[in-house]
C-alpha atoms as a PDB file:
ATOM      1  CA  MET A   1     101.225 158.895 114.445  1.00  0.00           C
ATOM      2  CA  ARG A   2      98.762 156.680 116.005  1.00  0.00           C
ATOM      3  CA  LEU A   3     100.022 157.385 119.308  1.00  0.00           C
ATOM      4  CA  THR A   4      99.727 161.185 118.902  1.00  0.00           C
ATOM      5  CA  ARG A   5      96.124 160.672 117.729  1.00  0.00           C
ATOM      6  CA  ASN A   6      95.384 158.630 120.720  1.00  0.00           C
ATOM      7  CA  VAL A   7      97.053 161.116 123.216  1.00  0.00           C
ATOM      8  CA  LEU A   8      95.070 164.009 121.645  1.00  0.00           C
ATOM      9  CA  ALA A   9      91.800 162.547 121.890  1.00  0.00           C
ATOM     10  CA  LEU A  10      92.500 161.306 125.314  1.00  0.00           C
ATOM     11  CA  ILE A  11      93.098 164.846 126.304  1.00  0.00           C
ATOM     12  CA  VAL A  12      90.026 166.107 124.733  1.00  0.00           C
ATOM     13  CA  LEU A  13      88.201 163.291 126.471  1.00  0.00           C
ATOM     14  CA  ALA A  14      89.608 164.225 129.726  1.00  0.00           C
ATOM     15  CA  ILE A  15      88.878 167.778 129.311  1.00  0.00           C
ATOM     16  CA  GLY A  16      85.148 166.969 128.259  1.00  0.00           C
ATOM     17  CA  VAL A  17      84.867 164.686 131.469  1.00  0.00           C
ATOM     18  CA  LEU A  18      86.247 167.816 133.651  1.00  0.00           C
ATOM     19  CA  TRP A  19      83.875 170.401 132.163  1.00  0.00           C
ATOM     20  CA  SER A  20      80.973 167.993 132.673  1.00  0.00           C
ATOM     21  CA  LEU A  21      81.829 167.481 136.150  1.00  0.00           C
ATOM     22  CA  GLN A  22      82.392 171.362 136.753  1.00  0.00           C
ATOM     23  CA  GLY A  23      78.989 171.871 135.219  1.00  0.00           C
ATOM     24  CA  LEU A  24      77.367 169.339 137.531  1.00  0.00           C
ATOM     25  CA  GLY A  25      78.992 171.269 140.536  1.00  0.00           C
ATOM     26  CA  LEU A  26      80.993 168.094 141.526  1.00  0.00           C
ATOM     27  CA  VAL A  27      84.385 170.000 141.055  1.00  0.00           C
ATOM     28  CA  GLN A  28      84.602 173.363 142.915  1.00  0.00           C
ATOM     29  CA  GLY A  29      86.933 176.321 142.245  1.00  0.00           C
ATOM     30  CA  SER A  30      86.003 177.556 138.719  1.00  0.00           C
ATOM     31  CA  PHE A  31      83.655 180.044 137.123  1.00  0.00           C
ATOM     32  CA  MET A  32      82.072 176.945 135.464  1.00  0.00           C
ATOM     33  CA  THR A  33      81.187 175.302 138.478  1.00  0.00           C
ATOM     34  CA  SER A  34      77.266 174.612 139.117  1.00  0.00           C
ATOM     35  CA  GLN A  35      76.792 176.173 135.446  1.00  0.00           C
ATOM     36  CA  ARG A  36      74.702 173.967 133.170  1.00  0.00           C
ATOM     37  CA  GLU A  37      75.828 175.199 130.089  1.00  0.00           C
ATOM     38  CA  TRP A  38      79.365 173.549 130.826  1.00  0.00           C
ATOM     39  CA  LEU A  39      77.747 170.330 131.369  1.00  0.00           C
ATOM     40  CA  TYR A  40      76.398 170.405 127.822  1.00  0.00           C
ATOM     41  CA  ILE A  41      79.718 171.616 126.409  1.00  0.00           C
ATOM     42  CA  GLY A  42      81.482 169.008 128.307  1.00  0.00           C
ATOM     43  CA  LEU A  43      79.326 166.487 126.940  1.00  0.00           C
ATOM     44  CA  VAL A  44      79.853 167.562 123.516  1.00  0.00           C
ATOM     45  CA  THR A  45      83.717 167.591 124.100  1.00  0.00           C
ATOM     46  CA  VAL A  46      83.593 164.003 125.736  1.00  0.00           C
ATOM     47  CA  LEU A  47      81.416 162.807 122.302  1.00  0.00           C
ATOM     48  CA  VAL A  48      84.305 164.456 120.300  1.00  0.00           C
ATOM     49  CA  GLY A  49      87.091 162.904 122.248  1.00  0.00           C
ATOM     50  CA  LEU A  50      85.527 159.446 121.587  1.00  0.00           C
ATOM     51  CA  LEU A  51      85.061 160.173 117.845  1.00  0.00           C
ATOM     52  CA  GLY A  52      88.702 161.013 117.856  1.00  0.00           C
ATOM     53  CA  LEU A  53      89.589 157.821 119.592  1.00  0.00           C
ATOM     54  CA  ARG A  54      87.662 155.627 117.107  1.00  0.00           C
ATOM     55  CA  TRP A  55      89.258 157.429 114.301  1.00  0.00           C
ATOM     56  CA  ALA A  56      92.806 157.180 115.751  1.00  0.00           C
ATOM     57  CA  ASN A  57      92.085 153.428 116.123  1.00  0.00           C
ATOM     58  CA  ARG A  58      90.147 152.533 113.055  1.00  0.00           C
ATOM     59  CA  SER A  59      91.272 149.593 110.853  1.00  0.00           C
ATOM     60  CA  ARG A  60      93.541 150.473 107.929  1.00  0.00           C
ATOM     61  CA  VAL A  61      92.110 147.850 105.680  1.00  0.00           C
END
């Protein structure tokens, strides 16, 4: 179960990074390219992914 949570959180994190880079215009070839709102959506998604990683790896005391 822990592995599944980590994989899902990493996927969300990777999607957030991709969206942020597209929003900055560093990744070309999408309607999201150079659209500032995708930078912000991506940053929120990165935060969700990081919180998911923290949740997946928290201590079970």
